[in-house]
Amino acid sequence: MEILVITARVNSHRMNTVLRPVLVGVRRLVYRIERWASASVIIHAFRERAGGWLRPGTASGSMNFYLGIWSSESAPSDKDAAERYAALAAGQDVPTGFNAAVYAFYIELTSHYLDIEMVAEEERDSCPWACALEVSGVHVIMALRPDKYANVFPLVLQLADRHGLVCFDPQNAKVHLPSRLPHE
């Protein structure tokens, strides 16, 4: 699948206010397509050969690094976590409700790094997010920019552990469990 991304600089303030919502909508659509395609590829690769996951940057340049965070009553295997992540990323079987630990994680994470939609356009180069965080009452899915991954990933793991949440890294097919699950 090829996606053509076109960016344009608009000098007129009036034209910018007209085009901005359109460009934001296009960005969100591209993110959703990329997420859906990524989840489909991940599950297919896992089923084809266990442990044979596709890694970012191996096919066509650098890609975003995705992470999924959610609460779990038991320790999921890498395979179970991959299936759960794929379903969440595709918008399937997303449980309704509210999990206080997920919300606390999101609040603490965004106290370190604002969601990209809250960052001024001229400051977005310093933002680690490739697109807006996907947040529900029970999960958070994030796309990290490749150049920020090494600095932000340890913080995400630390916060997930502090709040007793599972962190799944689809690039490496690895589930990171908290030191203590909430219902232990």
C-alpha atoms as a PDB file:
ATOM      1  CA  MET A   1       0.000   0.000   0.000  1.00  0.00           C
ATOM      2  CA  GLU A   2       1.342   3.434  -0.875  1.00  0.00           C
ATOM      3  CA  ILE A   3       0.116   6.596   0.729  1.00  0.00           C
ATOM      4  CA  LEU A   4       0.924   9.907  -0.865  1.00  0.00           C
ATOM      5  CA  VAL A   5       1.313  12.685   1.661  1.00  0.00           C
ATOM      6  CA  ILE A   6       1.118  16.220   0.380  1.00  0.00           C
ATOM      7  CA  THR A   7       1.977  19.194   2.552  1.00  0.00           C
ATOM      8  CA  ALA A   8       1.531  22.804   1.635  1.00  0.00           C
ATOM      9  CA  ARG A   9       2.543  26.067   3.216  1.00  0.00           C
ATOM     10  CA  VAL A  10      -0.185  28.656   3.178  1.00  0.00           C
ATOM     11  CA  ASN A  11       0.750  32.265   3.855  1.00  0.00           C
ATOM     12  CA  SER A  12      -2.734  33.670   4.103  1.00  0.00           C
ATOM     13  CA  HIS A  13      -4.200  33.443   7.616  1.00  0.00           C
ATOM     14  CA  ARG A  14      -7.724  33.103   6.212  1.00  0.00           C
ATOM     15  CA  MET A  15      -6.695  30.284   3.887  1.00  0.00           C
ATOM     16  CA  ASN A  16      -4.844  28.581   6.757  1.00  0.00           C
ATOM     17  CA  THR A  17      -7.976  28.613   8.944  1.00  0.00           C
ATOM     18  CA  VAL A  18      -9.955  27.039   6.106  1.00  0.00           C
ATOM     19  CA  LEU A  19      -7.392  24.346   5.255  1.00  0.00           C
ATOM     20  CA  ARG A  20      -6.285  23.437   8.777  1.00  0.00           C
ATOM     21  CA  PRO A  21      -9.382  21.314   9.652  1.00  0.00           C
ATOM     22  CA  VAL A  22      -9.071  19.533   6.313  1.00  0.00           C
ATOM     23  CA  LEU A  23      -5.384  18.749   6.854  1.00  0.00           C
ATOM     24  CA  VAL A  24      -6.066  17.546  10.419  1.00  0.00           C
ATOM     25  CA  GLY A  25      -8.794  15.255   9.073  1.00  0.00           C
ATOM     26  CA  VAL A  26      -6.447  13.876   6.408  1.00  0.00           C
ATOM     27  CA  ARG A  27      -3.742  13.277   9.029  1.00  0.00           C
ATOM     28  CA  ARG A  28      -6.182  11.334  11.197  1.00  0.00           C
ATOM     29  CA  LEU A  29      -7.344   9.265   8.230  1.00  0.00           C
ATOM     30  CA  VAL A  30      -3.759   8.402   7.272  1.00  0.00           C
ATOM     31  CA  TYR A  31      -3.043   7.456  10.914  1.00  0.00           C
ATOM     32  CA  ARG A  32      -6.074   5.161  11.041  1.00  0.00           C
ATOM     33  CA  ILE A  33      -5.117   3.494   7.723  1.00  0.00           C
ATOM     34  CA  GLU A  34      -1.517   3.078   8.890  1.00  0.00           C
ATOM     35  CA  ARG A  35      -2.663   1.622  12.234  1.00  0.00           C
ATOM     36  CA  TRP A  36      -5.097  -0.786  10.564  1.00  0.00           C
ATOM     37  CA  ALA A  37      -2.505  -1.916   8.026  1.00  0.00           C
ATOM     38  CA  SER A  38       0.121  -2.294  10.750  1.00  0.00           C
ATOM     39  CA  ALA A  39      -2.179  -4.420  12.928  1.00  0.00           C
ATOM     40  CA  SER A  40      -3.151  -6.637  10.003  1.00  0.00           C
ATOM     41  CA  VAL A  41       0.469  -7.173   9.008  1.00  0.00           C
ATOM     42  CA  ILE A  42       1.464  -7.951  12.585  1.00  0.00           C
ATOM     43  CA  ILE A  43      -1.198 -10.609  13.122  1.00  0.00           C
ATOM     44  CA  HIS A  44      -0.544 -12.140   9.689  1.00  0.00           C
ATOM     45  CA  ALA A  45       3.202 -12.268  10.362  1.00  0.00           C
ATOM     46  CA  PHE A  46       2.623 -13.864  13.754  1.00  0.00           C
ATOM     47  CA  ARG A  47       0.361 -16.539  12.322  1.00  0.00           C
ATOM     48  CA  GLU A  48       2.773 -17.272   9.471  1.00  0.00           C
ATOM     49  CA  ARG A  49       5.697 -17.960  11.761  1.00  0.00           C
ATOM     50  CA  ALA A  50       5.715 -17.450  15.499  1.00  0.00           C
ATOM     51  CA  GLY A  51       8.385 -14.993  16.435  1.00  0.00           C
ATOM     52  CA  GLY A  52       8.763 -13.824  12.830  1.00  0.00           C
ATOM     53  CA  TRP A  53       7.534 -10.309  13.337  1.00  0.00           C
ATOM     54  CA  LEU A  54       8.139  -7.482  10.938  1.00  0.00           C
ATOM     55  CA  ARG A  55      10.321  -4.777  12.390  1.00  0.00           C
ATOM     56  CA  PRO A  56       9.981  -1.066  11.692  1.00  0.00           C
ATOM     57  CA  GLY A  57      12.295   0.322   9.081  1.00  0.00           C
ATOM     58  CA  THR A  58      13.038  -3.020   7.452  1.00  0.00           C
ATOM     59  CA  ALA A  59      10.700  -2.677   4.504  1.00  0.00           C
ATOM     60  CA  SER A  60      10.577   0.939   3.490  1.00  0.00           C
ATOM     61  CA  GLY A  61      12.483   3.418   5.600  1.00  0.00           C
ATOM     62  CA  SER A  62      11.686   4.431   9.145  1.00  0.00           C
ATOM     63  CA  MET A  63       8.232   3.855  10.534  1.00  0.00           C
ATOM     64  CA  ASN A  64       6.509   4.902  13.711  1.00  0.00           C
ATOM     65  CA  PHE A  65       6.835   2.769  16.822  1.00  0.00           C
ATOM     66  CA  TYR A  66       3.512   1.726  18.266  1.00  0.00           C
ATOM     67  CA  LEU A  67       2.713   0.780  21.855  1.00  0.00           C
ATOM     68  CA  GLY A  68      -0.498  -0.391  23.444  1.00  0.00           C
ATOM     69  CA  ILE A  69      -1.324   0.021  27.136  1.00  0.00           C
ATOM     70  CA  TRP A  70      -4.227  -1.623  28.959  1.00  0.00           C
ATOM     71  CA  SER A  71      -5.212  -3.258  32.227  1.00  0.00           C
ATOM     72  CA  SER A  72      -5.315  -7.027  32.540  1.00  0.00           C
ATOM     73  CA  GLU A  73      -6.443  -9.288  35.343  1.00  0.00           C
ATOM     74  CA  SER A  74      -3.966 -11.991  34.329  1.00  0.00           C
ATOM     75  CA  ALA A  75      -0.579 -12.090  32.610  1.00  0.00           C
ATOM     76  CA  PRO A  76      -1.191 -12.383  28.856  1.00  0.00           C
ATOM     77  CA  SER A  77       1.242 -14.273  26.638  1.00  0.00           C
ATOM     78  CA  ASP A  78       2.949 -12.454  23.771  1.00  0.00           C
ATOM     79  CA  LYS A  79       0.460 -14.056  21.375  1.00  0.00           C
ATOM     80  CA  ASP A  80      -2.586 -13.096  23.475  1.00  0.00           C
ATOM     81  CA  ALA A  81      -1.294  -9.550  23.861  1.00  0.00           C
ATOM     82  CA  ALA A  82      -0.688  -9.313  20.083  1.00  0.00           C
ATOM     83  CA  GLU A  83      -4.260 -10.371  19.359  1.00  0.00           C
ATOM     84  CA  ARG A  84      -5.632  -7.942  21.938  1.00  0.00           C
ATOM     85  CA  TYR A  85      -3.497  -5.106  20.539  1.00  0.00           C
ATOM     86  CA  ALA A  86      -4.606  -5.851  16.962  1.00  0.00           C
ATOM     87  CA  ALA A  87      -8.264  -5.819  17.995  1.00  0.00           C
ATOM     88  CA  LEU A  88      -7.853  -2.530  19.887  1.00  0.00           C
ATOM     89  CA  ALA A  89      -5.877  -0.936  17.055  1.00  0.00           C
ATOM     90  CA  ALA A  90      -8.528  -1.982  14.530  1.00  0.00           C
ATOM     91  CA  GLY A  91     -11.308  -0.702  16.774  1.00  0.00           C
ATOM     92  CA  GLN A  92     -12.765  -4.190  17.273  1.00  0.00           C
ATOM     93  CA  ASP A  93     -13.882  -5.575  20.624  1.00  0.00           C
ATOM     94  CA  VAL A  94     -12.993  -2.375  22.442  1.00  0.00           C
ATOM     95  CA  PRO A  95     -14.487  -2.807  25.901  1.00  0.00           C
ATOM     96  CA  THR A  96     -16.546   0.046  27.231  1.00  0.00           C
ATOM     97  CA  GLY A  97     -16.145   1.425  30.682  1.00  0.00           C
ATOM     98  CA  PHE A  98     -13.564   3.302  32.636  1.00  0.00           C
ATOM     99  CA  ASN A  99     -10.350   2.107  34.231  1.00  0.00           C
ATOM    100  CA  ALA A 100      -8.855   4.539  36.751  1.00  0.00           C
ATOM    101  CA  ALA A 101      -5.325   3.135  36.283  1.00  0.00           C
ATOM    102  CA  VAL A 102      -5.442   3.722  32.508  1.00  0.00           C
ATOM    103  CA  TYR A 103      -6.677   7.264  33.062  1.00  0.00           C
ATOM    104  CA  ALA A 104      -3.976   7.947  35.686  1.00  0.00           C
ATOM    105  CA  PHE A 105      -1.357   6.581  33.252  1.00  0.00           C
ATOM    106  CA  TYR A 106      -2.617   8.883  30.486  1.00  0.00           C
ATOM    107  CA  ILE A 107      -2.642  11.937  32.767  1.00  0.00           C
ATOM    108  CA  GLU A 108       0.881  11.252  34.006  1.00  0.00           C
ATOM    109  CA  LEU A 109       2.196  10.528  30.492  1.00  0.00           C
ATOM    110  CA  THR A 110       0.735  13.742  29.091  1.00  0.00           C
ATOM    111  CA  SER A 111       2.203  15.687  32.008  1.00  0.00           C
ATOM    112  CA  HIS A 112       5.617  14.700  30.594  1.00  0.00           C
ATOM    113  CA  TYR A 113       4.724  15.007  26.888  1.00  0.00           C
ATOM    114  CA  LEU A 114       1.583  16.779  25.738  1.00  0.00           C
ATOM    115  CA  ASP A 115      -0.610  15.015  23.208  1.00  0.00           C
ATOM    116  CA  ILE A 116       0.365  16.253  19.745  1.00  0.00           C
ATOM    117  CA  GLU A 117      -3.011  17.948  19.275  1.00  0.00           C
ATOM    118  CA  MET A 118      -2.157  20.202  22.239  1.00  0.00           C
ATOM    119  CA  VAL A 119       1.252  21.218  20.863  1.00  0.00           C
ATOM    120  CA  ALA A 120       1.635  24.350  18.754  1.00  0.00           C
ATOM    121  CA  GLU A 121       2.457  23.666  15.107  1.00  0.00           C
ATOM    122  CA  GLU A 122       5.886  25.307  15.357  1.00  0.00           C
ATOM    123  CA  GLU A 123       6.835  23.159  18.386  1.00  0.00           C
ATOM    124  CA  ARG A 124       5.809  19.761  17.007  1.00  0.00           C
ATOM    125  CA  ASP A 125       9.399  18.759  16.165  1.00  0.00           C
ATOM    126  CA  SER A 126      10.031  18.354  19.890  1.00  0.00           C
ATOM    127  CA  CYS A 127       6.902  16.229  20.410  1.00  0.00           C
ATOM    128  CA  PRO A 128       7.539  12.460  20.563  1.00  0.00           C
ATOM    129  CA  TRP A 129       4.118  11.506  19.166  1.00  0.00           C
ATOM    130  CA  ALA A 130       3.690  10.807  15.454  1.00  0.00           C
ATOM    131  CA  CYS A 131      -0.051  11.433  15.825  1.00  0.00           C
ATOM    132  CA  ALA A 132      -2.669  11.899  18.517  1.00  0.00           C
ATOM    133  CA  LEU A 133      -2.820   9.344  21.300  1.00  0.00           C
ATOM    134  CA  GLU A 134      -5.769   6.984  20.987  1.00  0.00           C
ATOM    135  CA  VAL A 135      -7.411   6.920  24.378  1.00  0.00           C
ATOM    136  CA  SER A 136     -10.487   5.091  25.588  1.00  0.00           C
ATOM    137  CA  GLY A 137     -11.617   4.426  29.116  1.00  0.00           C
ATOM    138  CA  VAL A 138      -9.679   1.161  29.076  1.00  0.00           C
ATOM    139  CA  HIS A 139      -6.642   1.533  26.786  1.00  0.00           C
ATOM    140  CA  VAL A 140      -4.097   3.897  25.261  1.00  0.00           C
ATOM    141  CA  ILE A 141      -2.426   3.332  21.888  1.00  0.00           C
ATOM    142  CA  MET A 142       0.444   5.587  20.907  1.00  0.00           C
ATOM    143  CA  ALA A 143       2.664   6.067  17.888  1.00  0.00           C
ATOM    144  CA  LEU A 144       6.150   7.306  18.727  1.00  0.00           C
ATOM    145  CA  ARG A 145       8.382   9.052  16.237  1.00  0.00           C
ATOM    146  CA  PRO A 146      11.468   6.904  15.516  1.00  0.00           C
ATOM    147  CA  ASP A 147      13.890   9.614  16.646  1.00  0.00           C
ATOM    148  CA  LYS A 148      12.143   9.935  20.048  1.00  0.00           C
ATOM    149  CA  TYR A 149      11.512   6.243  20.763  1.00  0.00           C
ATOM    150  CA  ALA A 150      14.717   5.557  22.736  1.00  0.00           C
ATOM    151  CA  ASN A 151      14.007   8.390  25.174  1.00  0.00           C
ATOM    152  CA  VAL A 152      10.258   7.943  25.629  1.00  0.00           C
ATOM    153  CA  PHE A 153       9.864   4.141  25.666  1.00  0.00           C
ATOM    154  CA  PRO A 154      11.561   3.705  29.098  1.00  0.00           C
ATOM    155  CA  LEU A 155       9.228   6.352  30.559  1.00  0.00           C
ATOM    156  CA  VAL A 156       6.170   4.574  29.104  1.00  0.00           C
ATOM    157  CA  LEU A 157       7.334   1.278  30.642  1.00  0.00           C
ATOM    158  CA  GLN A 158       7.975   2.923  34.005  1.00  0.00           C
ATOM    159  CA  LEU A 159       4.543   4.582  34.071  1.00  0.00           C
ATOM    160  CA  ALA A 160       2.757   1.418  32.939  1.00  0.00           C
ATOM    161  CA  ASP A 161       4.484  -0.538  35.715  1.00  0.00           C
ATOM    162  CA  ARG A 162       3.650   2.132  38.302  1.00  0.00           C
ATOM    163  CA  HIS A 163      -0.040   1.930  37.370  1.00  0.00           C
ATOM    164  CA  GLY A 164      -0.139  -1.874  37.043  1.00  0.00           C
ATOM    165  CA  LEU A 165      -0.767  -1.877  33.294  1.00  0.00           C
ATOM    166  CA  VAL A 166       0.319  -4.149  30.462  1.00  0.00           C
ATOM    167  CA  CYS A 167       2.453  -2.577  27.720  1.00  0.00           C
ATOM    168  CA  PHE A 168       2.608  -4.318  24.351  1.00  0.00           C
ATOM    169  CA  ASP A 169       5.337  -3.543  21.819  1.00  0.00           C
ATOM    170  CA  PRO A 170       4.078  -4.865  18.444  1.00  0.00           C
ATOM    171  CA  GLN A 171       7.383  -4.192  16.698  1.00  0.00           C
ATOM    172  CA  ASN A 172       9.130  -6.747  18.867  1.00  0.00           C
ATOM    173  CA  ALA A 173       6.067  -8.896  19.637  1.00  0.00           C
ATOM    174  CA  LYS A 174       6.821  -8.393  23.320  1.00  0.00           C
ATOM    175  CA  VAL A 175       4.440  -7.907  26.181  1.00  0.00           C
ATOM    176  CA  HIS A 176       5.863  -6.001  29.148  1.00  0.00           C
ATOM    177  CA  LEU A 177       4.048  -6.971  32.326  1.00  0.00           C
ATOM    178  CA  PRO A 178       3.879  -4.790  35.413  1.00  0.00           C
ATOM    179  CA  SER A 179       5.748  -5.994  38.475  1.00  0.00           C
ATOM    180  CA  ARG A 180       2.343  -6.598  40.024  1.00  0.00           C
ATOM    181  CA  LEU A 181      -0.950  -7.093  38.209  1.00  0.00           C
ATOM    182  CA  PRO A 182      -3.901  -5.215  39.773  1.00  0.00           C
ATOM    183  CA  HIS A 183      -5.798  -8.327  40.881  1.00  0.00           C
ATOM    184  CA  GLU A 184      -2.913 -10.312  42.352  1.00  0.00           C
END
